[in-house]
C-alpha cells in the first residue's frame, strides 16, 4: 500500500490595518513555503515561518488592494522570495500610495512584482494551482490545493457573502461567473480560506450563499 502524502502545513492569521488573512502554505518534506497576501506585520509572518522551519520561495497575491500586499516589499527583503501577481491588477499595485491615502493607511513603497501569475499555473511549492477569478478586481486570483481540499479565495468568496464590486475594476456579473464556473466546480468538501474573517466550507456556500448559488 502506498504511503499517504504528508499533510500540507497551513496557517492563516489576520495581519495589517484592515486585518487581511495572510496564509502560509508549506511542504513538510522540502520545507519550501509560499506566503499568500502579506498585508502587514512582516515580523509576525517571519516568526510563524520560523516556528514551522519553512523557507519562503514565493509571495503570491490574490489581488492588489492595499491590505493584501502592504508588507510584500519587506517580506521580499527579508527572504529574497519573488513577488507574484496577475498582470490585470498591475494598475492597482502601481497606485498603492493613492490607495493608502484613501484609507488613511501609512504608505510603505513596494517593488514591482517579479512575475505575472497565469490561470492554471502551478505554484512554487508544487502542491497547488492558481485560478484566475476576476470580478472583485480584474486580476483576482484564487489558489487551489486539490490534495489538501483547500481553496484560498481572497476577497472573491466569503462565508455567506462575496467580494465587493464597487471598487476600481470591480464587476458584479464577472464575480458571479468566476464563483459559479471556477470555484463551485471544485470539491464541495473543500475548506475555503477567505480574504477576511473565518474559513467556510465550499459546499455550504454552493447551497446557502445568498449572492451566488451553484
N, C-alpha and C. Protein backbone atom coordinates (compact mmCIF):
# COMPACT_ATOMS: atom_id res chain seq x y z
N UNK A 1 0.84 -1.20 0.00
CA UNK A 1 0.00 0.00 0.00
C UNK A 1 0.88 1.25 0.00
N UNK A 2 0.54 2.22 -0.85
CA UNK A 2 1.33 3.45 -0.92
C UNK A 2 1.16 4.27 0.35
N UNK A 3 2.25 4.89 0.76
CA UNK A 3 2.15 5.79 1.92
C UNK A 3 1.31 7.00 1.55
N UNK A 4 0.52 7.47 2.51
CA UNK A 4 -0.27 8.68 2.27
C UNK A 4 0.67 9.88 2.15
N UNK A 5 0.25 10.84 1.31
CA UNK A 5 1.06 12.05 1.18
C UNK A 5 1.06 12.80 2.50
N UNK A 6 2.20 13.38 2.89
CA UNK A 6 2.20 14.15 4.13
C UNK A 6 1.31 15.38 3.99
N UNK A 7 0.68 15.74 5.08
CA UNK A 7 -0.28 16.84 5.07
C UNK A 7 0.45 18.17 4.92
N UNK A 8 -0.07 19.02 4.05
CA UNK A 8 0.49 20.37 3.89
C UNK A 8 0.46 21.12 5.21
N UNK A 9 1.48 21.93 5.44
CA UNK A 9 1.45 22.86 6.57
C UNK A 9 0.64 24.07 6.13
N UNK A 10 -0.35 24.45 6.92
CA UNK A 10 -1.15 25.64 6.58
C UNK A 10 -1.46 26.41 7.85
N UNK A 11 -1.11 27.70 7.83
CA UNK A 11 -1.50 28.57 8.94
C UNK A 11 -2.03 29.88 8.36
N UNK A 12 -3.21 30.28 8.82
CA UNK A 12 -3.85 31.52 8.38
C UNK A 12 -4.06 32.41 9.59
N UNK A 13 -3.78 33.70 9.42
CA UNK A 13 -3.90 34.63 10.55
C UNK A 13 -4.07 36.04 9.99
N UNK A 14 -4.79 36.92 10.74
CA UNK A 14 -5.02 38.28 10.25
C UNK A 14 -3.80 39.17 10.45
N UNK A 15 -3.56 40.04 9.45
CA UNK A 15 -2.43 40.96 9.52
C UNK A 15 -2.86 42.34 9.02
N UNK A 16 -2.07 43.34 9.43
CA UNK A 16 -2.21 44.67 8.84
C UNK A 16 -3.38 45.46 9.38
N UNK A 17 -3.50 46.70 8.92
CA UNK A 17 -4.51 47.62 9.46
C UNK A 17 -5.94 47.21 9.14
N UNK A 18 -6.14 46.44 8.07
CA UNK A 18 -7.50 46.02 7.71
C UNK A 18 -7.74 44.54 7.98
N UNK A 19 -6.80 43.90 8.71
CA UNK A 19 -6.96 42.51 9.16
C UNK A 19 -7.25 41.55 8.00
N UNK A 20 -6.44 41.66 6.98
CA UNK A 20 -6.47 40.70 5.87
C UNK A 20 -5.94 39.36 6.36
N UNK A 21 -6.50 38.27 5.86
CA UNK A 21 -5.98 36.94 6.19
C UNK A 21 -4.75 36.64 5.36
N UNK A 22 -3.62 36.47 6.03
CA UNK A 22 -2.38 36.02 5.41
C UNK A 22 -2.28 34.51 5.65
N UNK A 23 -1.87 33.77 4.62
CA UNK A 23 -1.76 32.31 4.75
C UNK A 23 -0.36 31.85 4.38
N UNK A 24 0.19 30.98 5.21
CA UNK A 24 1.45 30.29 4.92
C UNK A 24 1.09 28.87 4.49
N UNK A 25 1.62 28.45 3.35
CA UNK A 25 1.45 27.07 2.87
C UNK A 25 2.85 26.48 2.76
N UNK A 26 3.09 25.36 3.43
CA UNK A 26 4.42 24.76 3.42
C UNK A 26 4.40 23.29 3.06
N UNK A 27 5.42 22.87 2.34
CA UNK A 27 5.62 21.46 2.04
C UNK A 27 6.42 20.85 3.20
N UNK A 28 5.85 19.88 3.90
CA UNK A 28 6.53 19.34 5.08
C UNK A 28 7.82 18.58 4.75
N UNK A 29 7.98 18.15 3.50
CA UNK A 29 9.20 17.42 3.13
C UNK A 29 10.32 18.36 2.69
N UNK A 30 10.03 19.24 1.72
CA UNK A 30 11.07 20.13 1.20
C UNK A 30 11.29 21.35 2.10
N UNK A 31 10.28 21.64 2.94
CA UNK A 31 10.28 22.83 3.81
C UNK A 31 10.22 24.13 3.01
N UNK A 32 9.82 24.03 1.74
CA UNK A 32 9.58 25.23 0.94
C UNK A 32 8.18 25.75 1.24
N UNK A 33 8.04 27.07 1.22
CA UNK A 33 6.74 27.66 1.55
C UNK A 33 6.39 28.78 0.58
N UNK A 34 5.09 29.03 0.48
CA UNK A 34 4.60 30.23 -0.17
C UNK A 34 3.83 31.04 0.88
N UNK A 35 3.89 32.35 0.74
CA UNK A 35 3.11 33.23 1.60
C UNK A 35 2.08 33.92 0.72
N UNK A 36 0.82 33.85 1.12
CA UNK A 36 -0.27 34.47 0.38
C UNK A 36 -0.73 35.72 1.11
N UNK A 37 -0.74 36.84 0.41
CA UNK A 37 -1.31 38.10 0.89
C UNK A 37 -0.70 38.61 2.21
N UNK A 38 0.60 38.96 2.19
CA UNK A 38 1.20 39.54 3.39
C UNK A 38 0.83 41.03 3.51
N UNK A 39 -0.31 41.29 4.11
CA UNK A 39 -0.86 42.65 4.16
C UNK A 39 -0.35 43.50 5.30
N UNK A 40 0.62 43.00 6.06
CA UNK A 40 1.17 43.76 7.19
C UNK A 40 1.89 42.83 8.14
N UNK A 41 2.43 43.38 9.21
CA UNK A 41 3.08 42.60 10.27
C UNK A 41 4.13 41.61 9.76
N UNK A 42 5.13 42.08 9.01
CA UNK A 42 6.13 41.15 8.46
C UNK A 42 6.88 40.36 9.52
N UNK A 43 7.13 40.96 10.68
CA UNK A 43 7.86 40.23 11.73
C UNK A 43 7.03 39.06 12.26
N UNK A 44 5.72 39.25 12.36
CA UNK A 44 4.83 38.16 12.79
C UNK A 44 4.86 37.03 11.76
N UNK A 45 4.80 37.38 10.48
CA UNK A 45 4.83 36.36 9.42
C UNK A 45 6.14 35.59 9.48
N UNK A 46 7.26 36.31 9.65
CA UNK A 46 8.57 35.65 9.73
C UNK A 46 8.65 34.71 10.94
N UNK A 47 8.09 35.15 12.06
CA UNK A 47 8.13 34.32 13.27
C UNK A 47 7.36 33.02 13.06
N UNK A 48 6.23 33.10 12.37
CA UNK A 48 5.43 31.89 12.12
C UNK A 48 6.15 30.95 11.15
N UNK A 49 6.79 31.52 10.14
CA UNK A 49 7.58 30.70 9.22
C UNK A 49 8.70 29.98 9.96
N UNK A 50 9.38 30.71 10.83
CA UNK A 50 10.49 30.12 11.58
C UNK A 50 10.00 29.03 12.53
N UNK A 51 8.83 29.24 13.11
CA UNK A 51 8.27 28.23 14.02
C UNK A 51 7.99 26.92 13.29
N UNK A 52 7.65 27.00 12.00
CA UNK A 52 7.39 25.80 11.20
C UNK A 52 8.66 25.29 10.50
N UNK A 53 9.76 26.03 10.62
CA UNK A 53 11.00 25.63 9.95
C UNK A 53 10.92 25.74 8.43
N UNK A 54 10.18 26.75 7.93
CA UNK A 54 9.93 26.88 6.50
C UNK A 54 10.76 28.00 5.87
N UNK A 55 11.08 27.81 4.59
CA UNK A 55 11.77 28.84 3.79
C UNK A 55 10.85 29.29 2.67
N UNK A 56 10.60 30.60 2.60
CA UNK A 56 9.69 31.15 1.58
C UNK A 56 10.38 31.18 0.23
N UNK A 57 9.71 30.63 -0.80
CA UNK A 57 10.24 30.70 -2.16
C UNK A 57 9.43 31.66 -3.03
N UNK A 58 8.15 31.88 -2.69
CA UNK A 58 7.40 32.88 -3.44
C UNK A 58 6.31 33.50 -2.58
N UNK A 59 6.01 34.75 -2.90
CA UNK A 59 4.98 35.53 -2.21
C UNK A 59 3.90 35.81 -3.25
N UNK A 60 2.72 35.26 -3.06
CA UNK A 60 1.68 35.34 -4.08
C UNK A 60 0.50 36.14 -3.55
N UNK A 61 -0.23 36.75 -4.48
CA UNK A 61 -1.27 37.70 -4.10
C UNK A 61 -2.59 37.35 -4.78
N UNK A 62 -3.66 37.35 -3.98
CA UNK A 62 -4.98 37.12 -4.56
C UNK A 62 -5.42 38.32 -5.38
N UNK A 63 -4.97 39.52 -5.01
CA UNK A 63 -5.27 40.73 -5.78
C UNK A 63 -4.44 41.87 -5.18
N UNK A 64 -4.58 43.07 -5.79
CA UNK A 64 -3.69 44.17 -5.40
C UNK A 64 -4.41 45.32 -4.70
N UNK A 65 -5.39 44.99 -3.85
CA UNK A 65 -5.87 46.01 -2.92
C UNK A 65 -4.83 46.14 -1.80
N UNK A 66 -4.66 47.36 -1.32
CA UNK A 66 -3.55 47.67 -0.41
C UNK A 66 -3.41 46.70 0.75
N UNK A 67 -4.53 46.27 1.32
CA UNK A 67 -4.47 45.47 2.54
C UNK A 67 -3.96 44.06 2.30
N UNK A 68 -3.75 43.68 1.03
CA UNK A 68 -3.26 42.35 0.73
C UNK A 68 -1.79 42.32 0.33
N UNK A 69 -1.14 43.50 0.25
CA UNK A 69 0.29 43.46 -0.13
C UNK A 69 1.14 44.54 0.54
N UNK A 70 0.65 45.14 1.62
CA UNK A 70 1.40 46.22 2.26
C UNK A 70 2.79 45.78 2.75
N UNK A 71 2.91 44.52 3.18
CA UNK A 71 4.21 44.05 3.70
C UNK A 71 5.00 43.24 2.68
N UNK A 72 4.56 43.23 1.43
CA UNK A 72 5.21 42.37 0.43
C UNK A 72 6.66 42.77 0.18
N UNK A 73 6.93 44.09 0.13
CA UNK A 73 8.31 44.54 -0.07
C UNK A 73 9.21 44.15 1.08
N UNK A 74 8.71 44.30 2.29
CA UNK A 74 9.50 43.92 3.47
C UNK A 74 9.74 42.41 3.51
N UNK A 75 8.73 41.63 3.11
CA UNK A 75 8.90 40.17 3.09
C UNK A 75 9.92 39.75 2.03
N UNK A 76 9.88 40.42 0.87
CA UNK A 76 10.87 40.12 -0.18
C UNK A 76 12.28 40.43 0.31
N UNK A 77 12.40 41.57 1.01
CA UNK A 77 13.71 41.99 1.53
C UNK A 77 14.24 40.98 2.54
N UNK A 78 13.37 40.47 3.40
CA UNK A 78 13.78 39.55 4.46
C UNK A 78 14.09 38.15 3.93
N UNK A 79 13.42 37.73 2.83
CA UNK A 79 13.50 36.33 2.41
C UNK A 79 14.12 36.12 1.03
N UNK A 80 14.16 37.17 0.21
CA UNK A 80 14.63 37.01 -1.17
C UNK A 80 13.61 36.34 -2.08
N UNK A 81 12.40 36.09 -1.56
CA UNK A 81 11.37 35.42 -2.36
C UNK A 81 10.83 36.35 -3.45
N UNK A 82 10.31 35.76 -4.50
CA UNK A 82 9.76 36.53 -5.62
C UNK A 82 8.29 36.90 -5.35
N UNK A 83 7.90 38.06 -5.91
CA UNK A 83 6.52 38.56 -5.77
C UNK A 83 5.73 38.22 -7.03
N UNK A 84 4.52 37.67 -6.84
CA UNK A 84 3.70 37.20 -7.96
C UNK A 84 2.31 37.84 -7.89
N UNK A 85 1.82 38.29 -9.06
CA UNK A 85 0.52 38.96 -9.17
C UNK A 85 -0.02 38.73 -10.57
N UNK A 86 -1.35 38.77 -10.73
CA UNK A 86 -1.90 38.73 -12.09
C UNK A 86 -1.71 40.09 -12.74
N UNK A 87 -1.33 40.08 -14.00
CA UNK A 87 -0.99 41.31 -14.74
C UNK A 87 -2.13 42.34 -14.72
N UNK A 88 -3.38 41.87 -14.71
CA UNK A 88 -4.51 42.80 -14.79
C UNK A 88 -4.70 43.62 -13.52
N UNK A 89 -3.99 43.28 -12.46
CA UNK A 89 -4.04 44.10 -11.24
C UNK A 89 -2.83 45.01 -11.09
N UNK A 90 -2.02 45.10 -12.13
CA UNK A 90 -0.83 45.96 -12.04
C UNK A 90 -1.21 47.41 -11.75
N UNK A 91 -2.32 47.89 -12.32
CA UNK A 91 -2.71 49.29 -12.13
C UNK A 91 -3.01 49.58 -10.66
N UNK A 92 -3.51 48.59 -9.94
CA UNK A 92 -3.78 48.77 -8.50
C UNK A 92 -2.47 48.74 -7.71
N UNK A 93 -1.60 47.81 -8.05
CA UNK A 93 -0.28 47.70 -7.39
C UNK A 93 0.49 49.01 -7.55
N UNK A 94 0.46 49.56 -8.78
CA UNK A 94 1.20 50.78 -9.07
C UNK A 94 0.61 52.01 -8.37
N UNK A 95 -0.64 51.89 -7.91
CA UNK A 95 -1.32 53.01 -7.25
C UNK A 95 -1.48 52.78 -5.75
N UNK A 96 -0.50 52.09 -5.15
CA UNK A 96 -0.57 51.81 -3.71
C UNK A 96 -0.64 53.10 -2.89
N UNK A 97 0.14 54.09 -3.26
CA UNK A 97 0.16 55.33 -2.47
C UNK A 97 -1.22 55.99 -2.46
N UNK A 98 -1.90 55.99 -3.62
CA UNK A 98 -3.25 56.55 -3.70
C UNK A 98 -4.22 55.74 -2.83
N UNK A 99 -4.12 54.42 -2.88
CA UNK A 99 -5.00 53.57 -2.06
C UNK A 99 -4.79 53.84 -0.57
N UNK A 100 -3.52 53.95 -0.16
CA UNK A 100 -3.21 54.22 1.25
C UNK A 100 -3.82 55.55 1.69
N UNK A 101 -3.69 56.56 0.82
CA UNK A 101 -4.26 57.86 1.14
C UNK A 101 -5.76 57.81 1.32
N UNK A 102 -6.44 57.03 0.47
CA UNK A 102 -7.91 56.92 0.56
C UNK A 102 -8.36 56.27 1.86
N UNK A 103 -7.57 55.29 2.33
CA UNK A 103 -7.97 54.53 3.53
C UNK A 103 -7.25 55.01 4.79
N UNK A 104 -6.44 56.07 4.66
CA UNK A 104 -5.76 56.61 5.82
C UNK A 104 -4.73 55.67 6.42
N UNK A 105 -4.08 54.90 5.56
CA UNK A 105 -3.09 53.91 5.99
C UNK A 105 -1.70 54.43 5.62
N UNK A 106 -0.70 54.33 6.53
CA UNK A 106 0.65 54.79 6.18
C UNK A 106 1.19 54.07 4.94
N UNK A 107 1.80 54.84 4.05
CA UNK A 107 2.31 54.30 2.78
C UNK A 107 3.73 53.78 2.95
N UNK A 108 3.93 52.52 2.56
CA UNK A 108 5.26 51.92 2.51
C UNK A 108 5.48 51.46 1.07
N UNK A 109 6.47 52.01 0.36
CA UNK A 109 6.67 51.60 -1.04
C UNK A 109 6.93 50.10 -1.17
N UNK A 110 6.44 49.52 -2.26
CA UNK A 110 6.61 48.09 -2.54
C UNK A 110 7.19 47.96 -3.95
N UNK A 111 8.22 47.14 -4.15
CA UNK A 111 8.79 46.99 -5.50
C UNK A 111 7.79 46.34 -6.46
N UNK A 112 8.07 46.45 -7.74
CA UNK A 112 7.19 45.85 -8.75
C UNK A 112 7.19 44.32 -8.62
N UNK A 113 6.08 43.67 -9.00
CA UNK A 113 6.08 42.20 -9.00
C UNK A 113 7.19 41.64 -9.87
N UNK A 114 7.71 40.48 -9.48
CA UNK A 114 8.76 39.82 -10.26
C UNK A 114 8.18 39.01 -11.41
N UNK A 115 6.99 38.45 -11.17
CA UNK A 115 6.39 37.57 -12.18
C UNK A 115 4.89 37.76 -12.20
N UNK A 116 4.30 37.55 -13.39
CA UNK A 116 2.84 37.62 -13.53
C UNK A 116 2.25 36.23 -13.41
N UNK A 117 1.26 36.09 -12.57
CA UNK A 117 0.56 34.82 -12.40
C UNK A 117 -0.33 34.55 -13.60
N UNK A 118 -0.40 33.30 -14.01
CA UNK A 118 -1.27 32.90 -15.12
C UNK A 118 -2.33 31.92 -14.61
N UNK A 119 -3.47 31.90 -15.31
CA UNK A 119 -4.53 30.94 -14.98
C UNK A 119 -4.00 29.52 -15.13
N UNK A 120 -4.33 28.68 -14.15
CA UNK A 120 -3.92 27.27 -14.13
C UNK A 120 -2.41 27.06 -13.97
N UNK A 121 -1.71 28.09 -13.54
CA UNK A 121 -0.26 27.98 -13.29
C UNK A 121 -0.01 27.17 -12.02
N UNK A 122 0.98 26.26 -12.09
CA UNK A 122 1.36 25.51 -10.89
C UNK A 122 2.15 26.42 -9.95
N UNK A 123 1.85 26.33 -8.67
CA UNK A 123 2.52 27.18 -7.69
C UNK A 123 3.88 26.61 -7.31
N UNK A 124 4.71 27.47 -6.73
CA UNK A 124 6.12 27.12 -6.50
C UNK A 124 6.31 25.90 -5.60
N UNK A 125 5.40 25.66 -4.68
CA UNK A 125 5.56 24.52 -3.78
C UNK A 125 5.21 23.20 -4.47
N UNK A 126 4.68 23.28 -5.70
CA UNK A 126 4.30 22.07 -6.42
C UNK A 126 3.07 21.40 -5.87
N UNK A 127 2.31 22.12 -5.06
CA UNK A 127 1.17 21.49 -4.38
C UNK A 127 -0.16 22.14 -4.71
N UNK A 128 -0.17 23.13 -5.60
CA UNK A 128 -1.42 23.81 -5.90
C UNK A 128 -1.34 24.55 -7.22
N UNK A 129 -2.49 25.11 -7.62
CA UNK A 129 -2.56 25.87 -8.87
C UNK A 129 -3.25 27.21 -8.62
N UNK A 130 -2.92 28.17 -9.50
CA UNK A 130 -3.55 29.49 -9.48
C UNK A 130 -4.74 29.48 -10.42
N UNK A 131 -5.85 30.05 -9.98
CA UNK A 131 -7.06 30.17 -10.81
C UNK A 131 -7.38 31.65 -10.97
N UNK A 132 -7.57 32.10 -12.20
CA UNK A 132 -7.96 33.49 -12.44
C UNK A 132 -9.46 33.60 -12.19
N UNK A 133 -9.83 34.37 -11.15
CA UNK A 133 -11.24 34.51 -10.76
C UNK A 133 -11.60 35.99 -10.67
N UNK A 134 -11.64 36.70 -11.79
CA UNK A 134 -11.88 38.15 -11.77
C UNK A 134 -13.28 38.51 -11.29
N UNK A 135 -13.44 39.79 -10.95
CA UNK A 135 -14.73 40.29 -10.52
C UNK A 135 -14.58 41.27 -9.38
N UNK A 136 -13.91 40.84 -8.30
CA UNK A 136 -13.59 41.77 -7.20
C UNK A 136 -12.60 42.79 -7.72
N UNK A 137 -11.59 42.30 -8.44
CA UNK A 137 -10.68 43.12 -9.24
C UNK A 137 -10.48 42.38 -10.55
N UNK A 138 -9.96 43.04 -11.60
CA UNK A 138 -9.76 42.35 -12.88
C UNK A 138 -8.76 41.19 -12.80
N UNK A 139 -7.78 41.31 -11.89
CA UNK A 139 -6.75 40.29 -11.79
C UNK A 139 -6.88 39.38 -10.57
N UNK A 140 -8.06 39.33 -9.96
CA UNK A 140 -8.23 38.49 -8.76
C UNK A 140 -7.90 37.03 -9.06
N UNK A 141 -7.16 36.42 -8.14
CA UNK A 141 -6.78 35.01 -8.25
C UNK A 141 -7.27 34.25 -7.03
N UNK A 142 -7.56 32.97 -7.24
CA UNK A 142 -7.76 32.04 -6.14
C UNK A 142 -6.70 30.96 -6.26
N UNK A 143 -6.41 30.26 -5.17
CA UNK A 143 -5.36 29.25 -5.17
C UNK A 143 -5.94 27.93 -4.66
N UNK A 144 -5.81 26.87 -5.48
CA UNK A 144 -6.48 25.60 -5.21
C UNK A 144 -5.45 24.51 -4.95
N UNK A 145 -5.60 23.87 -3.78
CA UNK A 145 -4.72 22.79 -3.35
C UNK A 145 -5.57 21.52 -3.28
N UNK A 146 -5.61 20.78 -4.38
CA UNK A 146 -6.57 19.68 -4.52
C UNK A 146 -6.35 18.59 -3.48
N UNK A 147 -5.09 18.19 -3.27
CA UNK A 147 -4.83 17.08 -2.33
C UNK A 147 -5.26 17.45 -0.91
N UNK A 148 -5.12 18.71 -0.57
CA UNK A 148 -5.49 19.16 0.78
C UNK A 148 -6.95 19.60 0.88
N UNK A 149 -7.66 19.60 -0.27
CA UNK A 149 -9.04 20.12 -0.32
C UNK A 149 -9.10 21.51 0.32
N UNK A 150 -8.23 22.37 -0.18
CA UNK A 150 -8.09 23.72 0.38
C UNK A 150 -8.15 24.74 -0.74
N UNK A 151 -9.00 25.74 -0.57
CA UNK A 151 -9.14 26.82 -1.54
C UNK A 151 -8.88 28.15 -0.84
N UNK A 152 -7.91 28.90 -1.34
CA UNK A 152 -7.69 30.27 -0.86
C UNK A 152 -8.38 31.19 -1.85
N UNK A 153 -9.45 31.83 -1.41
CA UNK A 153 -10.34 32.57 -2.32
C UNK A 153 -10.13 34.08 -2.28
N UNK A 154 -9.25 34.57 -1.41
CA UNK A 154 -9.06 36.02 -1.32
C UNK A 154 -10.38 36.72 -1.02
N UNK A 155 -10.61 37.84 -1.69
CA UNK A 155 -11.86 38.59 -1.46
C UNK A 155 -12.92 38.24 -2.50
N UNK A 156 -12.80 37.07 -3.15
CA UNK A 156 -13.82 36.65 -4.11
C UNK A 156 -15.02 36.03 -3.39
N UNK A 157 -14.76 35.14 -2.45
CA UNK A 157 -15.84 34.42 -1.76
C UNK A 157 -15.61 34.45 -0.25
N UNK A 158 -16.68 34.77 0.47
CA UNK A 158 -16.65 34.81 1.94
C UNK A 158 -17.71 33.87 2.51
N UNK A 159 -17.70 33.68 3.81
CA UNK A 159 -18.77 32.93 4.46
C UNK A 159 -20.07 33.76 4.35
N UNK A 160 -20.99 33.28 3.55
CA UNK A 160 -22.28 33.96 3.40
C UNK A 160 -22.22 35.26 2.62
N UNK A 161 -21.14 35.51 1.89
CA UNK A 161 -21.01 36.77 1.16
C UNK A 161 -20.03 36.59 0.01
N UNK A 162 -19.93 37.64 -0.83
CA UNK A 162 -18.94 37.66 -1.90
C UNK A 162 -18.21 38.99 -1.82
N UNK A 163 -17.14 39.12 -2.60
CA UNK A 163 -16.36 40.34 -2.59
C UNK A 163 -17.13 41.52 -3.15
N UNK A 164 -16.85 42.71 -2.63
CA UNK A 164 -17.50 43.91 -3.14
C UNK A 164 -17.00 44.20 -4.55
N UNK A 165 -17.85 44.83 -5.35
CA UNK A 165 -17.50 45.11 -6.75
C UNK A 165 -17.60 46.60 -7.06
N UNK A 166 -17.64 47.43 -6.01
CA UNK A 166 -17.79 48.88 -6.22
C UNK A 166 -16.45 49.62 -6.17
N UNK A 167 -15.33 48.88 -6.05
CA UNK A 167 -14.01 49.50 -6.08
C UNK A 167 -13.44 49.38 -7.49
N UNK A 168 -12.24 49.92 -7.69
CA UNK A 168 -11.61 50.01 -9.01
C UNK A 168 -11.63 48.67 -9.76
N UNK A 169 -12.28 48.65 -10.92
CA UNK A 169 -12.25 47.46 -11.78
C UNK A 169 -13.17 46.34 -11.34
N UNK A 170 -13.96 46.54 -10.28
CA UNK A 170 -14.88 45.50 -9.84
C UNK A 170 -16.06 45.35 -10.80
N UNK A 171 -16.62 44.13 -10.88
CA UNK A 171 -17.74 43.90 -11.79
C UNK A 171 -18.58 42.73 -11.26
N UNK A 172 -19.85 43.01 -10.96
CA UNK A 172 -20.70 42.01 -10.31
C UNK A 172 -20.97 40.78 -11.19
N UNK A 173 -21.39 40.93 -12.47
CA UNK A 173 -21.60 39.73 -13.29
C UNK A 173 -20.34 38.88 -13.43
N UNK A 174 -19.18 39.55 -13.44
CA UNK A 174 -17.91 38.82 -13.59
C UNK A 174 -17.60 38.00 -12.34
N UNK A 175 -17.80 38.57 -11.16
CA UNK A 175 -17.51 37.81 -9.93
C UNK A 175 -18.49 36.64 -9.79
N UNK A 176 -19.74 36.86 -10.17
CA UNK A 176 -20.71 35.75 -10.13
C UNK A 176 -20.25 34.60 -11.04
N UNK A 177 -19.80 34.96 -12.24
CA UNK A 177 -19.36 33.94 -13.20
C UNK A 177 -18.12 33.22 -12.67
N UNK A 178 -17.16 33.96 -12.08
CA UNK A 178 -15.96 33.32 -11.53
C UNK A 178 -16.31 32.31 -10.44
N UNK A 179 -17.23 32.70 -9.57
CA UNK A 179 -17.60 31.82 -8.46
C UNK A 179 -18.31 30.57 -8.98
N UNK A 180 -19.27 30.77 -9.89
CA UNK A 180 -20.04 29.62 -10.40
C UNK A 180 -19.19 28.69 -11.25
N UNK A 181 -18.40 29.28 -12.16
CA UNK A 181 -17.71 28.46 -13.16
C UNK A 181 -16.35 27.94 -12.69
N UNK A 182 -15.68 28.64 -11.79
CA UNK A 182 -14.36 28.21 -11.35
C UNK A 182 -14.37 27.62 -9.94
N UNK A 183 -15.02 28.29 -8.99
CA UNK A 183 -14.95 27.83 -7.60
C UNK A 183 -15.97 26.74 -7.29
N UNK A 184 -17.20 26.91 -7.76
CA UNK A 184 -18.24 25.94 -7.43
C UNK A 184 -18.11 24.63 -8.20
N UNK A 185 -17.12 24.52 -9.08
CA UNK A 185 -16.86 23.25 -9.76
C UNK A 185 -15.81 22.42 -9.00
N UNK A 186 -15.26 22.98 -7.93
CA UNK A 186 -14.25 22.27 -7.13
C UNK A 186 -14.93 21.38 -6.10
N UNK A 187 -14.14 20.64 -5.34
CA UNK A 187 -14.64 19.69 -4.34
C UNK A 187 -15.45 20.41 -3.26
N UNK A 188 -16.70 20.03 -3.11
CA UNK A 188 -17.54 20.76 -2.15
C UNK A 188 -17.15 20.51 -0.70
N UNK A 189 -16.29 19.52 -0.48
CA UNK A 189 -15.78 19.30 0.89
C UNK A 189 -14.64 20.25 1.23
N UNK A 190 -14.20 21.03 0.26
CA UNK A 190 -13.02 21.89 0.46
C UNK A 190 -13.26 22.96 1.52
N UNK A 191 -12.21 23.22 2.28
CA UNK A 191 -12.18 24.37 3.18
C UNK A 191 -11.82 25.61 2.36
N UNK A 192 -12.58 26.68 2.57
CA UNK A 192 -12.32 27.94 1.86
C UNK A 192 -11.71 28.93 2.84
N UNK A 193 -10.48 29.36 2.54
CA UNK A 193 -9.84 30.44 3.29
C UNK A 193 -10.24 31.75 2.61
N UNK A 194 -10.92 32.60 3.34
CA UNK A 194 -11.41 33.86 2.78
C UNK A 194 -10.40 34.98 3.02
N UNK A 195 -10.60 36.11 2.34
CA UNK A 195 -9.67 37.23 2.47
C UNK A 195 -9.73 37.93 3.82
N UNK A 196 -10.89 37.83 4.47
CA UNK A 196 -11.09 38.42 5.80
C UNK A 196 -12.09 37.52 6.53
N UNK A 197 -11.93 37.38 7.83
CA UNK A 197 -12.91 36.62 8.60
C UNK A 197 -12.67 35.12 8.56
N UNK A 198 -13.68 34.34 9.00
CA UNK A 198 -13.49 32.90 9.20
C UNK A 198 -13.48 32.10 7.91
N UNK A 199 -12.88 30.91 7.99
CA UNK A 199 -12.99 29.92 6.91
C UNK A 199 -14.45 29.53 6.72
N UNK A 200 -14.72 28.93 5.56
CA UNK A 200 -16.03 28.34 5.33
C UNK A 200 -15.84 27.05 4.56
N UNK A 201 -16.95 26.36 4.27
CA UNK A 201 -16.89 25.11 3.50
C UNK A 201 -17.52 25.37 2.15
N UNK A 202 -16.88 24.91 1.09
CA UNK A 202 -17.36 25.25 -0.26
C UNK A 202 -18.79 24.78 -0.49
N UNK A 203 -19.12 23.57 -0.05
CA UNK A 203 -20.48 23.06 -0.26
C UNK A 203 -21.54 23.91 0.43
N UNK A 204 -21.19 24.45 1.59
CA UNK A 204 -22.14 25.32 2.30
C UNK A 204 -22.42 26.57 1.49
N UNK A 205 -21.37 27.14 0.89
CA UNK A 205 -21.57 28.34 0.07
C UNK A 205 -22.35 28.02 -1.21
N UNK A 206 -22.08 26.88 -1.80
CA UNK A 206 -22.79 26.48 -3.02
C UNK A 206 -24.30 26.41 -2.79
N UNK A 207 -24.68 25.95 -1.60
CA UNK A 207 -26.11 25.78 -1.30
C UNK A 207 -26.74 27.01 -0.64
N UNK A 208 -25.97 27.74 0.16
CA UNK A 208 -26.58 28.75 1.03
C UNK A 208 -26.15 30.18 0.80
N UNK A 209 -25.10 30.41 0.00
CA UNK A 209 -24.63 31.79 -0.17
C UNK A 209 -25.73 32.63 -0.81
N UNK A 210 -26.17 33.73 -0.16
CA UNK A 210 -27.32 34.48 -0.68
C UNK A 210 -27.03 35.24 -1.98
N UNK A 211 -25.75 35.40 -2.32
CA UNK A 211 -25.38 36.17 -3.52
C UNK A 211 -25.17 35.30 -4.75
N UNK A 212 -24.54 34.14 -4.56
CA UNK A 212 -24.27 33.24 -5.68
C UNK A 212 -24.48 31.80 -5.20
N UNK A 213 -25.45 31.11 -5.80
CA UNK A 213 -25.63 29.68 -5.50
C UNK A 213 -25.26 28.85 -6.70
N UNK A 214 -24.87 27.62 -6.44
CA UNK A 214 -24.46 26.73 -7.54
C UNK A 214 -25.64 26.44 -8.45
